[in-house]
C-alpha atoms as a PDB file:
ATOM      1  CA  MET A   1     -14.707  40.871  47.432  1.00  0.00           C
ATOM      2  CA  VAL A   2     -11.466  42.756  48.097  1.00  0.00           C
ATOM      3  CA  LEU A   3      -8.368  41.813  46.093  1.00  0.00           C
ATOM      4  CA  SER A   4      -5.005  41.641  47.810  1.00  0.00           C
ATOM      5  CA  GLU A   5      -1.960  43.614  46.669  1.00  0.00           C
ATOM      6  CA  GLU A   6      -0.510  40.407  45.254  1.00  0.00           C
ATOM      7  CA  GLN A   7      -3.671  39.746  43.267  1.00  0.00           C
ATOM      8  CA  ALA A   8      -3.750  43.318  41.994  1.00  0.00           C
ATOM      9  CA  GLU A   9      -0.212  42.848  40.696  1.00  0.00           C
ATOM     10  CA  ARG A  10      -0.865  39.353  39.295  1.00  0.00           C
ATOM     11  CA  TYR A  11      -3.915  40.442  37.293  1.00  0.00           C
ATOM     12  CA  SER A  12      -2.727  43.961  36.432  1.00  0.00           C
ATOM     13  CA  ARG A  13      -2.792  43.252  32.687  1.00  0.00           C
ATOM     14  CA  HIS A  14      -6.462  42.305  33.007  1.00  0.00           C
ATOM     15  CA  PHE A  15      -7.195  45.474  34.948  1.00  0.00           C
ATOM     16  CA  VAL A  16      -6.149  47.681  32.025  1.00  0.00           C
ATOM     17  CA  LEU A  17      -8.491  45.860  29.644  1.00  0.00           C
ATOM     18  CA  SER A  18     -11.759  47.777  29.592  1.00  0.00           C
ATOM     19  CA  GLU A  19     -13.607  44.516  28.920  1.00  0.00           C
ATOM     20  CA  ILE A  20     -12.305  42.990  32.155  1.00  0.00           C
ATOM     21  CA  GLY A  21     -11.001  45.487  34.701  1.00  0.00           C
ATOM     22  CA  GLU A  22     -11.081  44.844  38.435  1.00  0.00           C
ATOM     23  CA  SER A  23     -14.786  43.985  38.460  1.00  0.00           C
ATOM     24  CA  GLY A  24     -14.332  41.433  35.693  1.00  0.00           C
ATOM     25  CA  GLN A  25     -11.413  39.867  37.505  1.00  0.00           C
ATOM     26  CA  LYS A  26     -13.564  39.451  40.584  1.00  0.00           C
ATOM     27  CA  ARG A  27     -16.152  37.663  38.440  1.00  0.00           C
ATOM     28  CA  LEU A  28     -13.484  35.286  37.165  1.00  0.00           C
ATOM     29  CA  LEU A  29     -12.280  34.564  40.693  1.00  0.00           C
ATOM     30  CA  GLN A  30     -15.828  33.645  41.689  1.00  0.00           C
ATOM     31  CA  ALA A  31     -16.468  31.501  38.587  1.00  0.00           C
ATOM     32  CA  LYS A  32     -16.459  27.721  38.240  1.00  0.00           C
ATOM     33  CA  VAL A  33     -15.350  25.995  35.034  1.00  0.00           C
ATOM     34  CA  LEU A  34     -15.194  22.265  34.276  1.00  0.00           C
ATOM     35  CA  VAL A  35     -12.621  20.918  31.816  1.00  0.00           C
ATOM     36  CA  ILE A  36     -13.421  17.382  30.678  1.00  0.00           C
ATOM     37  CA  GLY A  37     -10.186  15.865  29.420  1.00  0.00           C
ATOM     38  CA  ALA A  38      -6.704  16.714  30.730  1.00  0.00           C
ATOM     39  CA  GLY A  39      -4.972  15.864  27.465  1.00  0.00           C
ATOM     40  CA  GLY A  40      -3.830  18.111  24.625  1.00  0.00           C
ATOM     41  CA  LEU A  41      -6.805  20.460  24.465  1.00  0.00           C
ATOM     42  CA  GLY A  42      -7.304  20.346  28.216  1.00  0.00           C
ATOM     43  CA  SER A  43      -3.636  21.025  29.004  1.00  0.00           C
ATOM     44  CA  ASN A  44      -3.705  24.379  27.286  1.00  0.00           C
ATOM     45  CA  ALA A  45      -7.214  25.331  28.341  1.00  0.00           C
ATOM     46  CA  ILE A  46      -6.566  24.470  31.997  1.00  0.00           C
ATOM     47  CA  MET A  47      -3.349  26.495  32.222  1.00  0.00           C
ATOM     48  CA  GLN A  48      -4.878  29.525  30.514  1.00  0.00           C
ATOM     49  CA  LEU A  49      -7.925  29.465  32.802  1.00  0.00           C
ATOM     50  CA  ALA A  50      -5.723  29.017  35.855  1.00  0.00           C
ATOM     51  CA  ALA A  51      -3.509  31.926  34.805  1.00  0.00           C
ATOM     52  CA  ALA A  52      -6.621  34.046  34.223  1.00  0.00           C
ATOM     53  CA  GLY A  53      -7.721  33.421  37.798  1.00  0.00           C
ATOM     54  CA  VAL A  54     -10.841  31.321  37.342  1.00  0.00           C
ATOM     55  CA  GLY A  55     -11.659  30.589  40.970  1.00  0.00           C
ATOM     56  CA  VAL A  56     -12.692  26.945  40.726  1.00  0.00           C
ATOM     57  CA  LEU A  57     -11.383  24.614  38.043  1.00  0.00           C
ATOM     58  CA  GLY A  58     -12.881  21.161  37.765  1.00  0.00           C
ATOM     59  CA  ILE A  59     -10.717  18.634  35.920  1.00  0.00           C
ATOM     60  CA  ALA A  60     -12.270  15.377  34.740  1.00  0.00           C
ATOM     61  CA  ASP A  61     -10.157  12.545  33.342  1.00  0.00           C
ATOM     62  CA  CYS A  62      -9.751   8.851  34.154  1.00  0.00           C
ATOM     63  CA  ASP A  63      -6.463   8.178  32.322  1.00  0.00           C
ATOM     64  CA  LYS A  64      -2.864   8.077  33.465  1.00  0.00           C
ATOM     65  CA  VAL A  65      -0.011  10.039  31.888  1.00  0.00           C
ATOM     66  CA  GLU A  66       1.831   8.134  29.146  1.00  0.00           C
ATOM     67  CA  LEU A  67       5.093   8.988  27.409  1.00  0.00           C
ATOM     68  CA  THR A  68       3.285   9.462  24.086  1.00  0.00           C
ATOM     69  CA  ASN A  69       1.151  12.190  25.712  1.00  0.00           C
ATOM     70  CA  LEU A  70       4.094  14.523  26.275  1.00  0.00           C
ATOM     71  CA  GLN A  71       4.333  15.476  22.593  1.00  0.00           C
ATOM     72  CA  ARG A  72       1.278  17.749  23.002  1.00  0.00           C
ATOM     73  CA  GLN A  73      -0.155  17.464  26.528  1.00  0.00           C
ATOM     74  CA  THR A  74       1.982  20.257  27.914  1.00  0.00           C
ATOM     75  CA  ILE A  75       0.556  20.290  31.438  1.00  0.00           C
ATOM     76  CA  HIS A  76       2.344  16.996  32.190  1.00  0.00           C
ATOM     77  CA  ARG A  77       6.064  16.302  32.725  1.00  0.00           C
ATOM     78  CA  MET A  78       8.364  13.275  32.523  1.00  0.00           C
ATOM     79  CA  LYS A  79       8.041  12.792  36.271  1.00  0.00           C
ATOM     80  CA  ASP A  80       4.271  12.464  35.824  1.00  0.00           C
ATOM     81  CA  VAL A  81       4.367   9.404  33.554  1.00  0.00           C
ATOM     82  CA  GLY A  82       2.331   6.662  35.195  1.00  0.00           C
ATOM     83  CA  ILE A  83       0.298   8.871  37.526  1.00  0.00           C
ATOM     84  CA  ASP A  84      -3.301  10.040  37.126  1.00  0.00           C
ATOM     85  CA  LYS A  85      -3.656  12.945  34.705  1.00  0.00           C
ATOM     86  CA  VAL A  86      -5.941  14.794  37.099  1.00  0.00           C
ATOM     87  CA  LEU A  87      -3.242  14.715  39.798  1.00  0.00           C
ATOM     88  CA  SER A  88      -0.563  15.915  37.386  1.00  0.00           C
ATOM     89  CA  ALA A  89      -2.835  18.720  36.171  1.00  0.00           C
ATOM     90  CA  LYS A  90      -3.756  19.731  39.716  1.00  0.00           C
ATOM     91  CA  ARG A  91      -0.111  20.061  40.671  1.00  0.00           C
ATOM     92  CA  ALA A  92       0.609  22.245  37.639  1.00  0.00           C
ATOM     93  CA  VAL A  93      -2.320  24.553  38.404  1.00  0.00           C
ATOM     94  CA  GLU A  94      -1.368  24.921  42.053  1.00  0.00           C
ATOM     95  CA  GLU A  95       2.217  25.762  41.121  1.00  0.00           C
ATOM     96  CA  LEU A  96       0.969  28.469  38.750  1.00  0.00           C
ATOM     97  CA  ASN A  97      -1.790  30.173  40.734  1.00  0.00           C
ATOM     98  CA  PRO A  98      -2.701  29.634  44.403  1.00  0.00           C
ATOM     99  CA  ASP A  99      -5.938  31.577  43.870  1.00  0.00           C
ATOM    100  CA  VAL A 100      -7.419  28.612  41.987  1.00  0.00           C
ATOM    101  CA  THR A 101      -9.214  25.784  43.751  1.00  0.00           C
ATOM    102  CA  VAL A 102      -8.948  22.516  41.811  1.00  0.00           C
ATOM    103  CA  GLN A 103     -11.722  19.943  42.012  1.00  0.00           C
ATOM    104  CA  LEU A 104     -10.867  16.515  40.631  1.00  0.00           C
ATOM    105  CA  HIS A 105     -13.210  14.082  38.911  1.00  0.00           C
ATOM    106  CA  SER A 106     -11.141  10.974  38.221  1.00  0.00           C
ATOM    107  CA  GLU A 107     -14.080   8.827  37.158  1.00  0.00           C
ATOM    108  CA  ARG A 108     -15.054   8.251  33.529  1.00  0.00           C
ATOM    109  CA  MET A 109     -17.914  10.490  32.448  1.00  0.00           C
ATOM    110  CA  THR A 110     -21.002   8.350  31.746  1.00  0.00           C
ATOM    111  CA  ALA A 111     -24.728   8.790  31.301  1.00  0.00           C
ATOM    112  CA  ASP A 112     -25.085   8.013  35.002  1.00  0.00           C
ATOM    113  CA  ASN A 113     -22.782  10.660  36.468  1.00  0.00           C
ATOM    114  CA  ILE A 114     -22.105  13.471  34.004  1.00  0.00           C
ATOM    115  CA  GLN A 115     -25.128  15.650  34.767  1.00  0.00           C
ATOM    116  CA  SER A 116     -24.397  15.687  38.486  1.00  0.00           C
ATOM    117  CA  VAL A 117     -20.820  16.746  37.712  1.00  0.00           C
ATOM    118  CA  ILE A 118     -21.536  19.503  35.179  1.00  0.00           C
ATOM    119  CA  GLY A 119     -24.275  20.868  37.425  1.00  0.00           C
ATOM    120  CA  GLN A 120     -21.571  22.155  39.797  1.00  0.00           C
ATOM    121  CA  TYR A 121     -20.080  24.527  37.214  1.00  0.00           C
ATOM    122  CA  ASP A 122     -20.892  27.684  35.257  1.00  0.00           C
ATOM    123  CA  PHE A 123     -19.294  26.561  32.002  1.00  0.00           C
ATOM    124  CA  VAL A 124     -17.977  23.305  30.524  1.00  0.00           C
ATOM    125  CA  LEU A 125     -15.127  22.613  28.107  1.00  0.00           C
ATOM    126  CA  ASP A 126     -15.198  19.449  25.992  1.00  0.00           C
ATOM    127  CA  CYS A 127     -11.509  18.632  25.636  1.00  0.00           C
ATOM    128  CA  THR A 128     -12.003  14.940  24.846  1.00  0.00           C
ATOM    129  CA  ASP A 129     -11.040  13.019  21.712  1.00  0.00           C
ATOM    130  CA  ARG A 130     -13.734  10.373  21.274  1.00  0.00           C
ATOM    131  CA  PHE A 131     -16.944  11.268  19.476  1.00  0.00           C
ATOM    132  CA  GLU A 132     -18.969   9.058  21.802  1.00  0.00           C
ATOM    133  CA  THR A 133     -17.825  11.153  24.741  1.00  0.00           C
ATOM    134  CA  LYS A 134     -18.316  14.386  22.821  1.00  0.00           C
ATOM    135  CA  PHE A 135     -21.928  13.504  22.103  1.00  0.00           C
ATOM    136  CA  LEU A 136     -22.445  12.506  25.729  1.00  0.00           C
ATOM    137  CA  ILE A 137     -21.154  15.922  26.829  1.00  0.00           C
ATOM    138  CA  ASN A 138     -23.266  17.687  24.217  1.00  0.00           C
ATOM    139  CA  ASP A 139     -26.463  15.899  25.190  1.00  0.00           C
ATOM    140  CA  ALA A 140     -25.815  16.342  28.915  1.00  0.00           C
ATOM    141  CA  CYS A 141     -25.243  20.088  28.468  1.00  0.00           C
ATOM    142  CA  VAL A 142     -28.312  20.519  26.259  1.00  0.00           C
ATOM    143  CA  LEU A 143     -30.553  18.603  28.664  1.00  0.00           C
ATOM    144  CA  SER A 144     -29.065  20.410  31.684  1.00  0.00           C
ATOM    145  CA  LYS A 145     -29.197  23.810  29.970  1.00  0.00           C
ATOM    146  CA  LYS A 146     -25.476  24.249  30.479  1.00  0.00           C
ATOM    147  CA  ALA A 147     -23.220  26.303  28.191  1.00  0.00           C
ATOM    148  CA  TYR A 148     -20.122  24.581  26.827  1.00  0.00           C
ATOM    149  CA  SER A 149     -17.270  24.856  24.342  1.00  0.00           C
ATOM    150  CA  HIS A 150     -16.577  22.033  21.885  1.00  0.00           C
ATOM    151  CA  ALA A 151     -13.280  21.479  20.096  1.00  0.00           C
ATOM    152  CA  GLY A 152     -11.608  18.689  18.192  1.00  0.00           C
ATOM    153  CA  VAL A 153      -8.253  18.289  16.452  1.00  0.00           C
ATOM    154  CA  VAL A 154      -6.780  15.734  14.077  1.00  0.00           C
ATOM    155  CA  ARG A 155      -3.536  15.995  12.139  1.00  0.00           C
ATOM    156  CA  PHE A 156      -3.027  19.766  11.541  1.00  0.00           C
ATOM    157  CA  GLU A 157      -6.689  20.786  11.652  1.00  0.00           C
ATOM    158  CA  GLY A 158      -9.095  21.741  14.378  1.00  0.00           C
ATOM    159  CA  GLN A 159     -12.603  23.036  14.845  1.00  0.00           C
ATOM    160  CA  ALA A 160     -14.468  24.724  17.670  1.00  0.00           C
ATOM    161  CA  PHE A 161     -17.878  26.117  18.505  1.00  0.00           C
ATOM    162  CA  THR A 162     -19.793  27.123  21.609  1.00  0.00           C
ATOM    163  CA  TYR A 163     -23.264  26.088  22.699  1.00  0.00           C
ATOM    164  CA  VAL A 164     -25.347  28.348  24.926  1.00  0.00           C
ATOM    165  CA  PRO A 165     -28.894  27.268  25.848  1.00  0.00           C
ATOM    166  CA  SER A 166     -31.841  29.513  24.997  1.00  0.00           C
ATOM    167  CA  GLU A 167     -35.460  29.384  26.107  1.00  0.00           C
ATOM    168  CA  SER A 168     -36.581  31.010  22.869  1.00  0.00           C
ATOM    169  CA  ALA A 169     -37.023  28.613  19.937  1.00  0.00           C
ATOM    170  CA  SER A 170     -36.249  31.393  17.462  1.00  0.00           C
ATOM    171  CA  GLU A 171     -32.940  32.161  19.187  1.00  0.00           C
ATOM    172  CA  LYS A 172     -31.707  28.589  19.618  1.00  0.00           C
ATOM    173  CA  LYS A 173     -28.229  27.983  18.248  1.00  0.00           C
ATOM    174  CA  PRO A 174     -26.977  24.619  16.965  1.00  0.00           C
ATOM    175  CA  CYS A 175     -25.556  21.915  19.196  1.00  0.00           C
ATOM    176  CA  LEU A 176     -23.162  19.178  18.077  1.00  0.00           C
ATOM    177  CA  ARG A 177     -26.059  16.967  17.009  1.00  0.00           C
ATOM    178  CA  CYS A 178     -27.445  19.745  14.842  1.00  0.00           C
ATOM    179  CA  LEU A 179     -24.138  19.735  12.973  1.00  0.00           C
ATOM    180  CA  LEU A 180     -23.299  16.005  12.804  1.00  0.00           C
ATOM    181  CA  GLY A 181     -26.452  14.073  13.673  1.00  0.00           C
ATOM    182  CA  SER A 182     -24.883  11.142  15.514  1.00  0.00           C
ATOM    183  CA  ALA A 183     -21.460   9.991  16.610  1.00  0.00           C
ATOM    184  CA  PRO A 184     -19.323   8.761  13.675  1.00  0.00           C
ATOM    185  CA  HIS A 185     -17.917   5.529  15.085  1.00  0.00           C
ATOM    186  CA  ASP A 186     -15.282   5.214  12.354  1.00  0.00           C
ATOM    187  CA  ALA A 187     -13.760   8.671  12.858  1.00  0.00           C
ATOM    188  CA  PRO A 188      -9.932   8.684  12.723  1.00  0.00           C
ATOM    189  CA  LEU A 189      -8.094   8.883  16.031  1.00  0.00           C
ATOM    190  CA  CYS A 190      -4.859  10.733  16.765  1.00  0.00           C
ATOM    191  CA  ALA A 191      -3.028   7.489  17.492  1.00  0.00           C
ATOM    192  CA  GLU A 192      -3.844   6.337  13.948  1.00  0.00           C
ATOM    193  CA  VAL A 193      -3.361   9.467  11.817  1.00  0.00           C
ATOM    194  CA  GLY A 194      -1.281  11.728  14.056  1.00  0.00           C
ATOM    195  CA  VAL A 195      -1.759  15.222  15.459  1.00  0.00           C
ATOM    196  CA  LEU A 196       0.389  18.343  15.645  1.00  0.00           C
ATOM    197  CA  GLY A 197       0.816  19.398  19.248  1.00  0.00           C
ATOM    198  CA  ALA A 198       0.854  23.105  18.394  1.00  0.00           C
ATOM    199  CA  ALA A 199      -2.504  22.780  16.599  1.00  0.00           C
ATOM    200  CA  VAL A 200      -3.993  21.228  19.724  1.00  0.00           C
ATOM    201  CA  GLY A 201      -2.589  24.154  21.712  1.00  0.00           C
ATOM    202  CA  VAL A 202      -4.255  26.684  19.429  1.00  0.00           C
ATOM    203  CA  MET A 203      -7.666  25.085  19.828  1.00  0.00           C
ATOM    204  CA  GLY A 204      -7.350  24.634  23.596  1.00  0.00           C
ATOM    205  CA  CYS A 205      -6.548  28.336  23.942  1.00  0.00           C
ATOM    206  CA  ILE A 206      -9.579  29.203  21.819  1.00  0.00           C
ATOM    207  CA  GLN A 207     -11.736  27.188  24.214  1.00  0.00           C
ATOM    208  CA  ALA A 208     -10.270  29.027  27.200  1.00  0.00           C
ATOM    209  CA  THR A 209     -11.000  32.335  25.473  1.00  0.00           C
ATOM    210  CA  GLU A 210     -14.605  31.303  24.915  1.00  0.00           C
ATOM    211  CA  ALA A 211     -14.945  30.386  28.594  1.00  0.00           C
ATOM    212  CA  VAL A 212     -13.592  33.759  29.767  1.00  0.00           C
ATOM    213  CA  LYS A 213     -15.868  35.667  27.373  1.00  0.00           C
ATOM    214  CA  PHE A 214     -18.884  33.706  28.562  1.00  0.00           C
ATOM    215  CA  LEU A 215     -18.079  34.288  32.232  1.00  0.00           C
ATOM    216  CA  LEU A 216     -17.612  38.016  31.636  1.00  0.00           C
ATOM    217  CA  ASP A 217     -20.461  38.351  29.127  1.00  0.00           C
ATOM    218  CA  ARG A 218     -18.133  40.121  26.729  1.00  0.00           C
ATOM    219  CA  GLY A 219     -17.443  39.829  23.014  1.00  0.00           C
ATOM    220  CA  GLU A 220     -18.989  37.440  20.500  1.00  0.00           C
ATOM    221  CA  LEU A 221     -19.042  33.742  21.291  1.00  0.00           C
ATOM    222  CA  LEU A 222     -18.803  31.000  18.671  1.00  0.00           C
ATOM    223  CA  THR A 223     -22.524  30.339  18.990  1.00  0.00           C
ATOM    224  CA  GLY A 224     -24.134  29.660  15.644  1.00  0.00           C
ATOM    225  CA  ARG A 225     -20.645  29.612  14.151  1.00  0.00           C
ATOM    226  CA  VAL A 226     -17.985  26.961  13.629  1.00  0.00           C
ATOM    227  CA  LEU A 227     -14.336  28.000  13.604  1.00  0.00           C
ATOM    228  CA  ARG A 228     -12.027  25.816  11.529  1.00  0.00           C
ATOM    229  CA  PHE A 229      -8.253  26.110  11.782  1.00  0.00           C
ATOM    230  CA  ASP A 230      -5.724  24.637   9.326  1.00  0.00           C
ATOM    231  CA  GLY A 231      -2.207  24.725  10.711  1.00  0.00           C
ATOM    232  CA  LEU A 232      -0.611  23.737   7.396  1.00  0.00           C
ATOM    233  CA  THR A 233      -1.999  26.719   5.484  1.00  0.00           C
ATOM    234  CA  MET A 234      -2.578  29.022   8.472  1.00  0.00           C
ATOM    235  CA  ARG A 235      -6.125  29.623   7.313  1.00  0.00           C
ATOM    236  CA  VAL A 236      -8.914  30.238   9.766  1.00  0.00           C
ATOM    237  CA  ARG A 237     -12.486  30.008   8.493  1.00  0.00           C
ATOM    238  CA  VAL A 238     -15.621  30.785  10.490  1.00  0.00           C
ATOM    239  CA  SER A 239     -18.843  29.348   9.047  1.00  0.00           C
ATOM    240  CA  GLU A 240     -22.204  30.749  10.059  1.00  0.00           C
ATOM    241  CA  ILE A 241     -24.774  28.160  11.153  1.00  0.00           C
ATOM    242  CA  PRO A 242     -27.304  30.530  12.735  1.00  0.00           C
ATOM    243  CA  HIS A 243     -30.174  28.180  13.476  1.00  0.00           C
ATOM    244  CA  ALA A 244     -30.553  24.906  15.333  1.00  0.00           C
ATOM    245  CA  ASP A 245     -31.832  21.905  13.399  1.00  0.00           C
ATOM    246  CA  ARG A 246     -35.543  21.613  14.211  1.00  0.00           C
ATOM    247  CA  HIS A 247     -35.213  17.853  13.655  1.00  0.00           C
ATOM    248  CA  CYS A 248     -32.273  17.514  16.065  1.00  0.00           C
ATOM    249  CA  ALA A 249     -32.627  14.438  18.287  1.00  0.00           C
ATOM    250  CA  VAL A 250     -31.795  16.341  21.474  1.00  0.00           C
ATOM    251  CA  CYS A 251     -32.691  20.021  20.962  1.00  0.00           C
ATOM    252  CA  GLY A 252     -35.206  19.844  18.106  1.00  0.00           C
ATOM    253  CA  GLU A 253     -38.968  20.388  18.146  1.00  0.00           C
ATOM    254  CA  ASN A 254     -39.714  16.726  18.869  1.00  0.00           C
ATOM    255  CA  PRO A 255     -36.549  15.343  20.488  1.00  0.00           C
ATOM    256  CA  ALA A 256     -36.008  11.594  20.707  1.00  0.00           C
ATOM    257  CA  ILE A 257     -33.442  12.008  23.497  1.00  0.00           C
ATOM    258  CA  LEU A 258     -35.282  13.192  26.603  1.00  0.00           C
ATOM    259  CA  THR A 259     -32.819  11.712  29.102  1.00  0.00           C
ATOM    260  CA  LEU A 260     -29.287  10.372  28.731  1.00  0.00           C
ATOM    261  CA  ALA A 261     -30.654   6.900  29.394  1.00  0.00           C
ATOM    262  CA  ASP A 262     -32.477   7.131  26.053  1.00  0.00           C
ATOM    263  CA  ASN A 263     -29.153   7.064  24.193  1.00  0.00           C
ATOM    264  CA  ARG A 264     -26.895   5.002  26.425  1.00  0.00           C
ATOM    265  CA  GLU A 265     -25.745   2.693  23.607  1.00  0.00           C
ATOM    266  CA  GLU A 266     -24.317   5.506  21.480  1.00  0.00           C
ATOM    267  CA  TYR A 267     -22.254   6.775  24.403  1.00  0.00           C
ATOM    268  CA  ALA A 268     -20.423   3.424  24.728  1.00  0.00           C
ATOM    269  CA  VAL A 269     -16.691   4.037  24.980  1.00  0.00           C
ATOM    270  CA  GLN A 270     -14.511   2.975  22.063  1.00  0.00           C
ATOM    271  CA  THR A 271     -11.912   0.322  22.645  1.00  0.00           C
ATOM    272  CA  ARG A 272      -9.421   2.112  20.424  1.00  0.00           C
ATOM    273  CA  LYS A 273      -7.192   4.602  22.223  1.00  0.00           C
ATOM    274  CA  GLY A 274      -7.298   8.165  20.960  1.00  0.00           C
ATOM    275  CA  ASN A 275      -4.613   9.745  23.168  1.00  0.00           C
ATOM    276  CA  ARG A 276      -5.986  13.239  22.771  1.00  0.00           C
END
């Protein structure tokens, strides 16, 4: 793969990083990343990955842009209100970096289609706001042996961790189910308790950083660790959770969830709107 003069200039700040360089940039340009959710988290993650030159960006979302989204979903503009979020996001990416090919998935992610979608990509970002969807993504990635970054934000606080599959039982790191067990159906939503747009931006950028590190095989991922960010106090805490739960329903020693069909009821979409 030979980079053009324009590409060499565009990515020159990556070239001087010993962890990336020209060879690392070529890896990014050949990589495929899926972002599920083109809202607050997704807005920031998508634009950072596009700027970094990730060659193929998949964007999955079935919602349309609403006026209330613009307080934190920075990929969208006033002119985009009423149109599909995936179309708005695609336009923003194409205006930023012509090197990036955008693949759109405008259907809702379900137990029936998610594994076929994530199978097309090297890495997945969970940028959704409903726990039912988060657990669907988690279980699909665990069963498909696909690495992914999880994040969630409410009010001023966010958390993130990364899951990377391992064939070795002794090296397995926790998935979302290891941490929480099952989806909390009464979890507060942003529309009910509010969310600071800047806090969402911080966490989306952390997810993009995790994706780049994974693609380049550089640095330390948030595997076996949970990062918690408090925007009010500006405290960041990273908790070590080094081992997977051997009783986990999806990645444990005797899993109850062998296919997504085994847990279809828990993945049911909430009727309340979260407006991530």
